[in-house]
N, C-alpha and C. Protein backbone atom coordinates (compact mmCIF):
# COMPACT_ATOMS: atom_id res chain seq x y z
N UNK A 1 48.20 62.50 -150.22
CA UNK A 1 48.45 63.76 -149.52
C UNK A 1 47.46 64.83 -149.97
N UNK A 2 46.88 65.53 -149.01
CA UNK A 2 45.92 66.59 -149.32
C UNK A 2 46.65 67.86 -149.73
N UNK A 3 46.18 68.48 -150.82
CA UNK A 3 46.76 69.72 -151.30
C UNK A 3 45.81 70.86 -150.99
N UNK A 4 46.28 71.86 -150.26
CA UNK A 4 45.44 72.98 -149.87
C UNK A 4 45.77 74.22 -150.70
N UNK A 5 44.75 74.82 -151.29
CA UNK A 5 44.94 76.07 -152.02
C UNK A 5 44.96 77.23 -151.03
N UNK A 6 45.72 78.27 -151.35
CA UNK A 6 45.91 79.35 -150.39
C UNK A 6 46.03 80.71 -151.07
N UNK A 7 45.46 81.72 -150.42
CA UNK A 7 45.61 83.12 -150.83
C UNK A 7 46.28 83.86 -149.68
N UNK A 8 47.31 84.63 -150.00
CA UNK A 8 48.05 85.40 -149.00
C UNK A 8 47.71 86.88 -149.14
N UNK A 9 47.38 87.51 -148.02
CA UNK A 9 47.08 88.95 -148.01
C UNK A 9 48.03 89.63 -147.05
N UNK A 10 49.00 90.35 -147.60
CA UNK A 10 50.04 91.01 -146.79
C UNK A 10 50.58 92.20 -147.59
N UNK A 11 50.54 93.40 -146.99
CA UNK A 11 50.95 94.59 -147.73
C UNK A 11 52.46 94.84 -147.68
N UNK A 12 53.15 94.29 -146.68
CA UNK A 12 54.60 94.45 -146.61
C UNK A 12 55.26 93.52 -147.63
N UNK A 13 55.93 94.11 -148.61
CA UNK A 13 56.48 93.34 -149.73
C UNK A 13 57.48 92.28 -149.26
N UNK A 14 58.35 92.64 -148.33
CA UNK A 14 59.36 91.69 -147.86
C UNK A 14 58.73 90.55 -147.07
N UNK A 15 57.77 90.88 -146.21
CA UNK A 15 57.08 89.84 -145.44
C UNK A 15 56.32 88.92 -146.38
N UNK A 16 55.63 89.52 -147.36
CA UNK A 16 54.85 88.70 -148.29
C UNK A 16 55.76 87.76 -149.09
N UNK A 17 56.91 88.27 -149.52
CA UNK A 17 57.85 87.43 -150.26
C UNK A 17 58.34 86.26 -149.42
N UNK A 18 58.56 86.52 -148.12
CA UNK A 18 59.01 85.46 -147.21
C UNK A 18 57.92 84.40 -147.03
N UNK A 19 56.67 84.85 -146.87
CA UNK A 19 55.56 83.91 -146.72
C UNK A 19 55.38 83.08 -148.00
N UNK A 20 55.47 83.75 -149.13
CA UNK A 20 55.31 83.06 -150.41
C UNK A 20 56.39 82.01 -150.61
N UNK A 21 57.64 82.34 -150.24
CA UNK A 21 58.73 81.37 -150.41
C UNK A 21 58.52 80.13 -149.56
N UNK A 22 58.02 80.31 -148.34
CA UNK A 22 57.76 79.17 -147.46
C UNK A 22 56.61 78.32 -148.00
N UNK A 23 55.59 78.97 -148.49
CA UNK A 23 54.43 78.25 -149.03
C UNK A 23 54.81 77.48 -150.29
N UNK A 24 55.58 78.11 -151.17
CA UNK A 24 55.99 77.45 -152.41
C UNK A 24 56.92 76.26 -152.15
N UNK A 25 57.59 76.29 -151.01
CA UNK A 25 58.51 75.20 -150.66
C UNK A 25 57.78 74.03 -149.99
N UNK A 26 56.49 74.23 -149.70
CA UNK A 26 55.70 73.19 -149.03
C UNK A 26 54.85 72.45 -150.06
N UNK A 27 55.05 71.17 -150.20
CA UNK A 27 54.39 70.40 -151.26
C UNK A 27 52.89 70.24 -151.02
N UNK A 28 52.43 70.49 -149.80
CA UNK A 28 51.01 70.32 -149.51
C UNK A 28 50.21 71.62 -149.69
N UNK A 29 50.90 72.71 -150.10
CA UNK A 29 50.23 73.99 -150.28
C UNK A 29 50.34 74.47 -151.71
N UNK A 30 49.23 74.99 -152.22
CA UNK A 30 49.16 75.48 -153.59
C UNK A 30 48.80 76.97 -153.56
N UNK A 31 49.81 77.84 -153.73
CA UNK A 31 49.57 79.28 -153.68
C UNK A 31 48.82 79.73 -154.93
N UNK A 32 47.63 80.26 -154.72
CA UNK A 32 46.82 80.74 -155.84
C UNK A 32 47.14 82.19 -156.17
N UNK A 33 47.34 83.02 -155.13
CA UNK A 33 47.64 84.43 -155.38
C UNK A 33 48.10 85.08 -154.08
N UNK A 34 48.98 86.07 -154.20
CA UNK A 34 49.38 86.88 -153.04
C UNK A 34 49.11 88.34 -153.38
N UNK A 35 48.41 89.03 -152.48
CA UNK A 35 47.98 90.41 -152.71
C UNK A 35 48.27 91.27 -151.49
N UNK A 36 48.12 92.60 -151.65
CA UNK A 36 48.46 93.49 -150.56
C UNK A 36 47.40 94.49 -150.15
N UNK A 37 46.18 94.33 -150.67
CA UNK A 37 45.11 95.26 -150.32
C UNK A 37 43.80 94.52 -150.07
N UNK A 38 42.87 95.20 -149.41
CA UNK A 38 41.55 94.61 -149.17
C UNK A 38 40.79 94.38 -150.47
N UNK A 39 40.88 95.35 -151.36
CA UNK A 39 40.17 95.25 -152.65
C UNK A 39 40.65 94.01 -153.41
N UNK A 40 41.95 93.86 -153.50
CA UNK A 40 42.52 92.70 -154.21
C UNK A 40 42.19 91.40 -153.49
N UNK A 41 42.15 91.45 -152.15
CA UNK A 41 41.84 90.24 -151.37
C UNK A 41 40.42 89.77 -151.62
N UNK A 42 39.47 90.70 -151.66
CA UNK A 42 38.07 90.32 -151.93
C UNK A 42 37.94 89.67 -153.30
N UNK A 43 38.64 90.25 -154.29
CA UNK A 43 38.59 89.68 -155.63
C UNK A 43 39.21 88.28 -155.66
N UNK A 44 40.36 88.13 -154.98
CA UNK A 44 41.07 86.85 -154.97
C UNK A 44 40.24 85.77 -154.29
N UNK A 45 39.57 86.11 -153.19
CA UNK A 45 38.71 85.14 -152.51
C UNK A 45 37.58 84.69 -153.42
N UNK A 46 36.95 85.64 -154.07
CA UNK A 46 35.82 85.32 -154.95
C UNK A 46 36.27 84.49 -156.15
N UNK A 47 37.45 84.79 -156.66
CA UNK A 47 37.95 84.11 -157.86
C UNK A 47 38.48 82.71 -157.57
N UNK A 48 39.27 82.58 -156.50
CA UNK A 48 39.96 81.31 -156.23
C UNK A 48 39.25 80.40 -155.24
N UNK A 49 38.40 80.96 -154.37
CA UNK A 49 37.72 80.17 -153.34
C UNK A 49 38.72 79.23 -152.66
N UNK A 50 39.75 79.78 -152.03
CA UNK A 50 40.84 78.95 -151.48
C UNK A 50 40.43 78.18 -150.22
N UNK A 51 41.23 77.17 -149.92
CA UNK A 51 41.03 76.43 -148.67
C UNK A 51 41.53 77.25 -147.48
N UNK A 52 42.56 78.06 -147.73
CA UNK A 52 43.21 78.82 -146.66
C UNK A 52 43.36 80.29 -147.05
N UNK A 53 43.04 81.16 -146.10
CA UNK A 53 43.32 82.59 -146.24
C UNK A 53 44.35 82.96 -145.19
N UNK A 54 45.53 83.38 -145.63
CA UNK A 54 46.58 83.84 -144.72
C UNK A 54 46.54 85.37 -144.78
N UNK A 55 46.17 86.02 -143.68
CA UNK A 55 45.85 87.45 -143.77
C UNK A 55 46.46 88.28 -142.65
N UNK A 56 47.00 89.44 -143.04
CA UNK A 56 47.45 90.45 -142.08
C UNK A 56 46.23 91.31 -141.74
N UNK A 57 46.29 92.03 -140.63
CA UNK A 57 45.16 92.87 -140.24
C UNK A 57 45.32 94.32 -140.67
N UNK A 58 46.56 94.82 -140.66
CA UNK A 58 46.80 96.21 -141.02
C UNK A 58 47.08 96.36 -142.49
N UNK A 59 46.05 96.66 -143.27
CA UNK A 59 46.20 96.82 -144.71
C UNK A 59 45.98 98.28 -145.10
N UNK A 60 46.54 98.74 -146.22
CA UNK A 60 46.48 100.17 -146.57
C UNK A 60 45.08 100.70 -146.84
N UNK A 61 44.16 99.82 -147.23
CA UNK A 61 42.80 100.29 -147.56
C UNK A 61 41.73 99.69 -146.65
N UNK A 62 42.13 99.22 -145.47
CA UNK A 62 41.15 98.67 -144.55
C UNK A 62 41.75 97.67 -143.59
N UNK A 63 40.90 96.85 -143.00
CA UNK A 63 41.34 95.86 -142.02
C UNK A 63 41.18 94.44 -142.55
N UNK A 64 42.15 93.60 -142.20
CA UNK A 64 42.06 92.20 -142.58
C UNK A 64 40.86 91.51 -141.94
N UNK A 65 40.35 92.08 -140.85
CA UNK A 65 39.16 91.53 -140.20
C UNK A 65 37.98 91.57 -141.15
N UNK A 66 37.88 92.63 -141.94
CA UNK A 66 36.80 92.73 -142.92
C UNK A 66 36.93 91.66 -144.00
N UNK A 67 38.17 91.31 -144.34
CA UNK A 67 38.41 90.26 -145.33
C UNK A 67 37.98 88.90 -144.78
N UNK A 68 38.23 88.67 -143.50
CA UNK A 68 37.80 87.43 -142.88
C UNK A 68 36.28 87.30 -142.94
N UNK A 69 35.59 88.41 -142.72
CA UNK A 69 34.12 88.40 -142.77
C UNK A 69 33.59 88.09 -144.17
N UNK A 70 34.38 88.43 -145.19
CA UNK A 70 33.97 88.15 -146.57
C UNK A 70 33.78 86.65 -146.80
N UNK A 71 34.52 85.84 -146.06
CA UNK A 71 34.41 84.38 -146.20
C UNK A 71 32.97 83.94 -145.97
N UNK A 72 32.36 84.43 -144.90
CA UNK A 72 30.96 84.10 -144.62
C UNK A 72 30.03 84.74 -145.62
N UNK A 73 30.33 85.97 -146.00
CA UNK A 73 29.49 86.69 -146.95
C UNK A 73 29.41 85.96 -148.28
N UNK A 74 30.52 85.37 -148.70
CA UNK A 74 30.57 84.63 -149.97
C UNK A 74 30.25 83.14 -149.77
N UNK A 75 30.02 82.75 -148.51
CA UNK A 75 29.71 81.36 -148.16
C UNK A 75 30.80 80.41 -148.65
N UNK A 76 32.04 80.77 -148.36
CA UNK A 76 33.18 79.97 -148.79
C UNK A 76 33.58 78.97 -147.72
N UNK A 77 34.15 77.88 -148.13
CA UNK A 77 34.68 76.89 -147.20
C UNK A 77 36.18 77.16 -147.03
N UNK A 78 36.48 78.33 -146.48
CA UNK A 78 37.85 78.81 -146.34
C UNK A 78 38.18 79.02 -144.87
N UNK A 79 39.36 78.57 -144.45
CA UNK A 79 39.82 78.76 -143.08
C UNK A 79 40.79 79.94 -143.05
N UNK A 80 40.59 80.88 -142.11
CA UNK A 80 41.42 82.08 -142.04
C UNK A 80 42.45 81.98 -140.92
N UNK A 81 43.70 82.26 -141.27
CA UNK A 81 44.79 82.30 -140.28
C UNK A 81 45.39 83.70 -140.31
N UNK A 82 45.34 84.40 -139.18
CA UNK A 82 45.88 85.75 -139.07
C UNK A 82 47.38 85.69 -138.78
N UNK A 83 48.15 86.49 -139.52
CA UNK A 83 49.58 86.67 -139.26
C UNK A 83 49.81 88.17 -139.22
N UNK A 84 50.07 88.73 -138.04
CA UNK A 84 50.06 90.18 -137.91
C UNK A 84 50.97 90.70 -136.81
N UNK A 85 51.16 92.03 -136.81
CA UNK A 85 51.90 92.70 -135.75
C UNK A 85 50.98 93.09 -134.59
N UNK A 86 49.66 93.08 -134.84
CA UNK A 86 48.70 93.51 -133.82
C UNK A 86 48.50 92.41 -132.79
N UNK A 87 48.97 92.65 -131.58
CA UNK A 87 48.86 91.65 -130.52
C UNK A 87 48.03 92.15 -129.34
N UNK A 88 47.20 93.16 -129.58
CA UNK A 88 46.36 93.70 -128.50
C UNK A 88 45.03 92.97 -128.45
N UNK A 89 44.38 93.08 -127.31
CA UNK A 89 43.12 92.37 -127.06
C UNK A 89 42.04 92.71 -128.08
N UNK A 90 41.94 93.98 -128.43
CA UNK A 90 40.89 94.41 -129.36
C UNK A 90 40.98 93.68 -130.69
N UNK A 91 42.17 93.69 -131.30
CA UNK A 91 42.33 93.04 -132.61
C UNK A 91 42.18 91.52 -132.52
N UNK A 92 42.74 90.93 -131.46
CA UNK A 92 42.66 89.48 -131.30
C UNK A 92 41.21 89.00 -131.27
N UNK A 93 40.40 89.60 -130.39
CA UNK A 93 39.03 89.13 -130.24
C UNK A 93 38.14 89.52 -131.42
N UNK A 94 38.44 90.66 -132.03
CA UNK A 94 37.70 91.03 -133.25
C UNK A 94 37.93 90.00 -134.35
N UNK A 95 39.19 89.59 -134.52
CA UNK A 95 39.54 88.62 -135.56
C UNK A 95 38.90 87.26 -135.29
N UNK A 96 38.96 86.82 -134.03
CA UNK A 96 38.39 85.51 -133.68
C UNK A 96 36.87 85.53 -133.83
N UNK A 97 36.24 86.65 -133.45
CA UNK A 97 34.79 86.76 -133.61
C UNK A 97 34.40 86.78 -135.08
N UNK A 98 35.28 87.35 -135.93
CA UNK A 98 34.99 87.40 -137.36
C UNK A 98 35.09 86.02 -138.00
N UNK A 99 35.80 85.09 -137.32
CA UNK A 99 35.88 83.74 -137.86
C UNK A 99 37.27 83.18 -138.04
N UNK A 100 38.31 83.93 -137.63
CA UNK A 100 39.68 83.42 -137.75
C UNK A 100 39.86 82.16 -136.92
N UNK A 101 40.55 81.17 -137.46
CA UNK A 101 40.77 79.91 -136.76
C UNK A 101 42.13 79.84 -136.09
N UNK A 102 42.97 80.86 -136.35
CA UNK A 102 44.29 80.90 -135.73
C UNK A 102 44.81 82.32 -135.75
N UNK A 103 45.77 82.62 -134.85
CA UNK A 103 46.28 83.99 -134.74
C UNK A 103 47.76 83.91 -134.40
N UNK A 104 48.61 84.27 -135.36
CA UNK A 104 50.05 84.17 -135.20
C UNK A 104 50.69 85.55 -135.23
N UNK A 105 51.56 85.82 -134.27
CA UNK A 105 52.30 87.07 -134.25
C UNK A 105 53.48 86.98 -135.21
N UNK A 106 53.72 88.07 -135.94
CA UNK A 106 54.86 88.10 -136.87
C UNK A 106 56.19 87.99 -136.11
N UNK A 107 56.16 88.31 -134.83
CA UNK A 107 57.38 88.28 -134.02
C UNK A 107 57.59 86.90 -133.37
N UNK A 108 56.71 85.96 -133.66
CA UNK A 108 56.82 84.63 -133.07
C UNK A 108 57.74 83.76 -133.92
N UNK A 109 58.99 83.67 -133.53
CA UNK A 109 59.97 82.89 -134.29
C UNK A 109 59.83 81.39 -134.04
N UNK A 110 59.02 81.01 -133.04
CA UNK A 110 58.88 79.60 -132.70
C UNK A 110 57.82 78.91 -133.57
N UNK A 111 57.01 79.73 -134.26
CA UNK A 111 55.89 79.16 -135.02
C UNK A 111 56.16 79.24 -136.52
N UNK A 112 56.31 78.08 -137.15
CA UNK A 112 56.50 78.03 -138.60
C UNK A 112 55.13 78.12 -139.26
N UNK A 113 54.99 79.05 -140.18
CA UNK A 113 53.68 79.31 -140.78
C UNK A 113 53.10 78.09 -141.47
N UNK A 114 53.90 77.36 -142.20
CA UNK A 114 53.38 76.17 -142.90
C UNK A 114 52.89 75.12 -141.91
N UNK A 115 53.60 74.99 -140.78
CA UNK A 115 53.14 74.05 -139.75
C UNK A 115 51.83 74.53 -139.13
N UNK A 116 51.72 75.85 -138.93
CA UNK A 116 50.50 76.42 -138.37
C UNK A 116 49.31 76.17 -139.30
N UNK A 117 49.55 76.30 -140.59
CA UNK A 117 48.48 76.05 -141.57
C UNK A 117 48.05 74.59 -141.49
N UNK A 118 49.03 73.69 -141.43
CA UNK A 118 48.71 72.27 -141.33
C UNK A 118 47.94 71.94 -140.07
N UNK A 119 48.33 72.57 -138.96
CA UNK A 119 47.64 72.36 -137.69
C UNK A 119 46.20 72.84 -137.79
N UNK A 120 46.00 74.01 -138.39
CA UNK A 120 44.65 74.55 -138.53
C UNK A 120 43.77 73.66 -139.41
N UNK A 121 44.32 73.19 -140.51
CA UNK A 121 43.54 72.36 -141.43
C UNK A 121 43.28 70.96 -140.88
N UNK A 122 43.98 70.62 -139.80
CA UNK A 122 43.74 69.33 -139.12
C UNK A 122 42.78 69.49 -137.95
N UNK A 123 42.21 70.69 -137.83
CA UNK A 123 41.23 70.92 -136.78
C UNK A 123 41.77 71.65 -135.57
N UNK A 124 43.06 72.02 -135.60
CA UNK A 124 43.66 72.73 -134.48
C UNK A 124 43.44 74.23 -134.56
N UNK A 125 43.96 74.93 -133.56
CA UNK A 125 43.83 76.39 -133.51
C UNK A 125 45.20 76.97 -133.17
N UNK A 126 46.05 77.16 -134.17
CA UNK A 126 47.39 77.68 -133.91
C UNK A 126 47.37 79.11 -133.38
N UNK A 127 47.96 79.32 -132.23
CA UNK A 127 47.99 80.64 -131.59
C UNK A 127 49.37 80.86 -130.98
N UNK A 128 49.95 82.02 -131.22
CA UNK A 128 51.25 82.34 -130.65
C UNK A 128 51.16 82.40 -129.13
N UNK A 129 52.23 82.04 -128.43
CA UNK A 129 52.22 82.06 -126.96
C UNK A 129 51.79 83.40 -126.38
N UNK A 130 52.24 84.51 -126.98
CA UNK A 130 51.87 85.83 -126.45
C UNK A 130 50.37 86.06 -126.55
N UNK A 131 49.74 85.52 -127.60
CA UNK A 131 48.30 85.66 -127.77
C UNK A 131 47.57 84.75 -126.79
N UNK A 132 48.10 83.54 -126.60
CA UNK A 132 47.49 82.61 -125.65
C UNK A 132 47.49 83.19 -124.24
N UNK A 133 48.59 83.83 -123.87
CA UNK A 133 48.68 84.44 -122.54
C UNK A 133 47.66 85.57 -122.40
N UNK A 134 47.50 86.34 -123.46
CA UNK A 134 46.53 87.43 -123.45
C UNK A 134 45.12 86.89 -123.22
N UNK A 135 44.79 85.81 -123.91
CA UNK A 135 43.46 85.22 -123.79
C UNK A 135 43.23 84.63 -122.40
N UNK A 136 44.26 83.99 -121.85
CA UNK A 136 44.14 83.42 -120.51
C UNK A 136 43.94 84.53 -119.48
N UNK A 137 44.69 85.62 -119.61
CA UNK A 137 44.55 86.74 -118.69
C UNK A 137 43.16 87.34 -118.79
N UNK A 138 42.65 87.40 -120.01
CA UNK A 138 41.33 88.00 -120.24
C UNK A 138 40.23 87.26 -119.50
N UNK A 139 40.40 85.94 -119.34
CA UNK A 139 39.35 85.14 -118.75
C UNK A 139 39.70 84.55 -117.39
N UNK A 140 40.69 85.13 -116.73
CA UNK A 140 41.00 84.70 -115.37
C UNK A 140 39.90 85.16 -114.42
N UNK A 141 39.69 84.45 -113.29
CA UNK A 141 38.62 84.80 -112.35
C UNK A 141 38.62 86.25 -111.92
N UNK A 142 39.80 86.82 -111.67
CA UNK A 142 39.86 88.21 -111.24
C UNK A 142 39.26 89.12 -112.29
N UNK A 143 39.52 88.79 -113.55
CA UNK A 143 38.97 89.60 -114.64
C UNK A 143 37.47 89.44 -114.69
N UNK A 144 37.00 88.22 -114.49
CA UNK A 144 35.56 87.98 -114.52
C UNK A 144 34.85 88.78 -113.44
N UNK A 145 35.46 88.85 -112.25
CA UNK A 145 34.87 89.64 -111.17
C UNK A 145 34.80 91.10 -111.55
N UNK A 146 35.87 91.59 -112.20
CA UNK A 146 35.89 92.99 -112.61
C UNK A 146 34.81 93.25 -113.64
N UNK A 147 34.59 92.29 -114.56
CA UNK A 147 33.55 92.44 -115.57
C UNK A 147 32.19 92.53 -114.92
N UNK A 148 31.93 91.69 -113.92
CA UNK A 148 30.64 91.71 -113.24
C UNK A 148 30.42 93.04 -112.54
N UNK A 149 31.50 93.57 -111.97
CA UNK A 149 31.40 94.85 -111.29
C UNK A 149 31.04 95.95 -112.29
N UNK A 150 31.68 95.93 -113.47
CA UNK A 150 31.40 96.93 -114.49
C UNK A 150 29.97 96.79 -115.00
N UNK A 151 29.52 95.55 -115.16
CA UNK A 151 28.18 95.31 -115.66
C UNK A 151 27.14 95.92 -114.72
N UNK A 152 27.37 95.84 -113.43
CA UNK A 152 26.43 96.38 -112.45
C UNK A 152 26.37 97.91 -112.49
N UNK A 153 27.41 98.55 -113.01
CA UNK A 153 27.45 99.99 -113.05
C UNK A 153 26.44 100.59 -114.02
N UNK A 154 26.07 99.84 -115.04
CA UNK A 154 25.14 100.35 -116.04
C UNK A 154 23.71 100.28 -115.51
N UNK A 155 23.01 101.39 -115.61
CA UNK A 155 21.62 101.42 -115.16
C UNK A 155 20.72 100.74 -116.18
N UNK A 156 19.48 100.48 -115.80
CA UNK A 156 18.52 99.86 -116.69
C UNK A 156 18.31 100.71 -117.94
N UNK A 157 18.22 102.03 -117.77
CA UNK A 157 18.04 102.92 -118.91
C UNK A 157 19.27 102.91 -119.82
N UNK A 158 20.45 102.85 -119.23
CA UNK A 158 21.68 102.81 -120.03
C UNK A 158 21.77 101.51 -120.83
N UNK A 159 21.36 100.40 -120.21
CA UNK A 159 21.34 99.13 -120.93
C UNK A 159 20.35 99.18 -122.08
N UNK A 160 19.22 99.83 -121.87
CA UNK A 160 18.22 99.97 -122.92
C UNK A 160 18.76 100.77 -124.09
N UNK A 161 19.42 101.89 -123.78
CA UNK A 161 19.99 102.73 -124.83
C UNK A 161 21.13 102.00 -125.56
N UNK A 162 21.93 101.26 -124.80
CA UNK A 162 23.01 100.47 -125.41
C UNK A 162 22.45 99.46 -126.41
N UNK A 163 21.31 98.88 -126.07
CA UNK A 163 20.66 97.93 -126.96
C UNK A 163 20.25 98.60 -128.27
N UNK A 164 19.68 99.81 -128.17
CA UNK A 164 19.28 100.54 -129.37
C UNK A 164 20.50 100.93 -130.20
N UNK A 165 21.56 101.34 -129.52
CA UNK A 165 22.80 101.72 -130.22
C UNK A 165 23.35 100.53 -131.00
N UNK A 166 23.30 99.35 -130.39
CA UNK A 166 23.83 98.14 -131.05
C UNK A 166 23.06 97.79 -132.30
N UNK A 167 21.81 98.27 -132.39
CA UNK A 167 20.99 98.00 -133.58
C UNK A 167 21.06 99.11 -134.61
N UNK A 168 21.96 100.06 -134.38
CA UNK A 168 22.23 101.07 -135.38
C UNK A 168 21.41 102.34 -135.31
N UNK A 169 20.58 102.50 -134.26
CA UNK A 169 19.76 103.71 -134.15
C UNK A 169 20.62 104.90 -133.71
N UNK A 170 20.30 106.08 -134.23
CA UNK A 170 21.00 107.30 -133.85
C UNK A 170 20.44 107.82 -132.54
N UNK A 171 21.16 108.77 -131.93
CA UNK A 171 20.70 109.37 -130.67
C UNK A 171 19.34 110.05 -130.87
N UNK A 172 19.14 110.70 -132.01
CA UNK A 172 17.87 111.37 -132.29
C UNK A 172 16.73 110.35 -132.37
N UNK A 173 16.97 109.24 -133.06
CA UNK A 173 15.94 108.20 -133.19
C UNK A 173 15.62 107.58 -131.84
N UNK A 174 16.65 107.35 -131.03
CA UNK A 174 16.45 106.76 -129.71
C UNK A 174 15.63 107.70 -128.83
N UNK A 175 15.94 109.00 -128.90
CA UNK A 175 15.19 109.98 -128.09
C UNK A 175 13.72 109.99 -128.46
N UNK A 176 13.42 109.83 -129.73
CA UNK A 176 12.02 109.81 -130.18
C UNK A 176 11.31 108.54 -129.73
N UNK A 177 12.00 107.42 -129.80
CA UNK A 177 11.39 106.15 -129.40
C UNK A 177 11.15 106.07 -127.90
N UNK A 178 12.09 106.63 -127.13
CA UNK A 178 11.96 106.59 -125.67
C UNK A 178 11.22 107.80 -125.12
N UNK A 179 10.91 108.75 -126.02
CA UNK A 179 10.20 109.97 -125.64
C UNK A 179 10.94 110.75 -124.56
N UNK A 180 12.24 110.90 -124.79
CA UNK A 180 13.07 111.73 -123.92
C UNK A 180 13.84 112.69 -124.81
N UNK A 181 14.49 113.66 -124.22
CA UNK A 181 15.21 114.64 -125.02
C UNK A 181 16.48 114.05 -125.63
N UNK A 182 16.91 114.66 -126.72
CA UNK A 182 18.15 114.27 -127.38
C UNK A 182 19.33 114.41 -126.41
N UNK A 183 19.32 115.48 -125.62
CA UNK A 183 20.38 115.72 -124.64
C UNK A 183 20.45 114.59 -123.61
N UNK A 184 19.30 114.10 -123.20
CA UNK A 184 19.26 113.01 -122.21
C UNK A 184 19.93 111.76 -122.77
N UNK A 185 19.64 111.44 -124.04
CA UNK A 185 20.22 110.25 -124.67
C UNK A 185 21.73 110.40 -124.80
N UNK A 186 22.19 111.55 -125.28
CA UNK A 186 23.64 111.74 -125.44
C UNK A 186 24.37 111.70 -124.10
N UNK A 187 23.71 112.17 -123.05
CA UNK A 187 24.31 112.11 -121.72
C UNK A 187 24.46 110.66 -121.27
N UNK A 188 23.42 109.84 -121.52
CA UNK A 188 23.48 108.41 -121.19
C UNK A 188 24.60 107.72 -121.98
N UNK A 189 24.73 108.07 -123.26
CA UNK A 189 25.75 107.46 -124.11
C UNK A 189 27.15 107.81 -123.58
N UNK A 190 27.34 109.07 -123.18
CA UNK A 190 28.63 109.48 -122.61
C UNK A 190 28.94 108.71 -121.33
N UNK A 191 27.90 108.49 -120.52
CA UNK A 191 28.09 107.73 -119.28
C UNK A 191 28.45 106.28 -119.57
N UNK A 192 27.82 105.72 -120.61
CA UNK A 192 28.13 104.34 -121.01
C UNK A 192 29.59 104.24 -121.44
N UNK A 193 30.04 105.19 -122.26
CA UNK A 193 31.44 105.21 -122.72
C UNK A 193 32.39 105.28 -121.52
N UNK A 194 32.06 106.15 -120.57
CA UNK A 194 32.92 106.33 -119.40
C UNK A 194 33.01 105.06 -118.56
N UNK A 195 31.85 104.42 -118.34
CA UNK A 195 31.82 103.22 -117.51
C UNK A 195 32.49 102.02 -118.17
N UNK A 196 32.40 101.96 -119.50
CA UNK A 196 33.04 100.86 -120.23
C UNK A 196 34.48 101.19 -120.60
N UNK A 197 34.89 102.44 -120.28
CA UNK A 197 36.26 102.88 -120.56
C UNK A 197 36.58 102.83 -122.05
N UNK A 198 35.68 103.38 -122.87
CA UNK A 198 35.86 103.42 -124.31
C UNK A 198 35.64 104.85 -124.81
N UNK A 199 35.94 105.06 -126.09
CA UNK A 199 35.83 106.41 -126.65
C UNK A 199 35.01 106.49 -127.93
N UNK A 200 34.43 105.39 -128.36
CA UNK A 200 33.67 105.41 -129.60
C UNK A 200 32.56 104.36 -129.56
N UNK A 201 31.62 104.48 -130.50
CA UNK A 201 30.52 103.52 -130.61
C UNK A 201 31.05 102.11 -130.86
N UNK A 202 32.02 102.00 -131.80
CA UNK A 202 32.57 100.68 -132.14
C UNK A 202 33.21 100.02 -130.91
N UNK A 203 33.99 100.79 -130.16
CA UNK A 203 34.64 100.24 -128.97
C UNK A 203 33.61 99.86 -127.91
N UNK A 204 32.56 100.69 -127.79
CA UNK A 204 31.52 100.40 -126.80
C UNK A 204 30.81 99.10 -127.13
N UNK A 205 30.49 98.90 -128.41
CA UNK A 205 29.79 97.68 -128.81
C UNK A 205 30.68 96.45 -128.62
N UNK A 206 31.98 96.60 -128.96
CA UNK A 206 32.91 95.48 -128.78
C UNK A 206 33.00 95.08 -127.32
N UNK A 207 33.18 96.08 -126.45
CA UNK A 207 33.32 95.81 -125.02
C UNK A 207 32.02 95.25 -124.44
N UNK A 208 30.88 95.77 -124.92
CA UNK A 208 29.59 95.30 -124.43
C UNK A 208 29.36 93.84 -124.78
N UNK A 209 29.82 93.44 -125.97
CA UNK A 209 29.71 92.03 -126.38
C UNK A 209 30.59 91.16 -125.49
N UNK A 210 31.82 91.63 -125.22
CA UNK A 210 32.73 90.88 -124.37
C UNK A 210 32.18 90.70 -122.96
N UNK A 211 31.46 91.71 -122.47
CA UNK A 211 30.91 91.67 -121.11
C UNK A 211 29.58 90.95 -121.06
N UNK A 212 29.03 90.59 -122.22
CA UNK A 212 27.76 89.90 -122.24
C UNK A 212 26.56 90.83 -122.09
N UNK A 213 26.77 92.14 -122.29
CA UNK A 213 25.68 93.10 -122.18
C UNK A 213 24.75 93.02 -123.37
N UNK A 214 25.34 92.74 -124.55
CA UNK A 214 24.57 92.57 -125.76
C UNK A 214 25.14 91.38 -126.51
N UNK A 215 24.39 90.88 -127.49
CA UNK A 215 24.88 89.76 -128.30
C UNK A 215 25.11 90.22 -129.72
N UNK A 216 26.12 89.69 -130.42
CA UNK A 216 26.40 90.10 -131.79
C UNK A 216 25.19 89.89 -132.68
N UNK A 217 24.95 90.86 -133.57
CA UNK A 217 23.84 90.73 -134.50
C UNK A 217 22.52 91.05 -133.90
């Protein structure tokens, strides 16, 4: 029988205790540490190099998505399974893009966490039904048509500016490179936000990646 080492990251004390009790009762899982913050999670990953990271997304000092990214940063052979209250599209796709192999809702009483871990370590992708429905809706043909329509709304200049934004350039730097006024660049950025229906740079980049306007990295 294969024994998998595991680190649990959950700030809710009662939830964490429940997860720990289930893991300790499973003979195929070896709990290395359970923590409740991003800082402690980074240390635990570096120290234990676990097979499994069980992680919540809403932590007091940051996002569990950043902890998932640490796996690649440390070049660990660790599989991440999200267990969270966040069931919206933004968090789901951010987590999956960061490298999560499964996404379980805390409200999903049909999914036993230890079984989900076993499924993931066997090559599966455990996902709660509510999350699966969200993903299916996201990629239905009607949605794809709407995405194409939105993509056409962006002008060539707006796409160019979006590309610079994705690479971390400020509006002032973009204006200098394109030899246009700072006001012109900020106006284009506001138009991009409006057309993508977002309110911040991070949301714009996330939506642009989903629409295929830019590629990650």
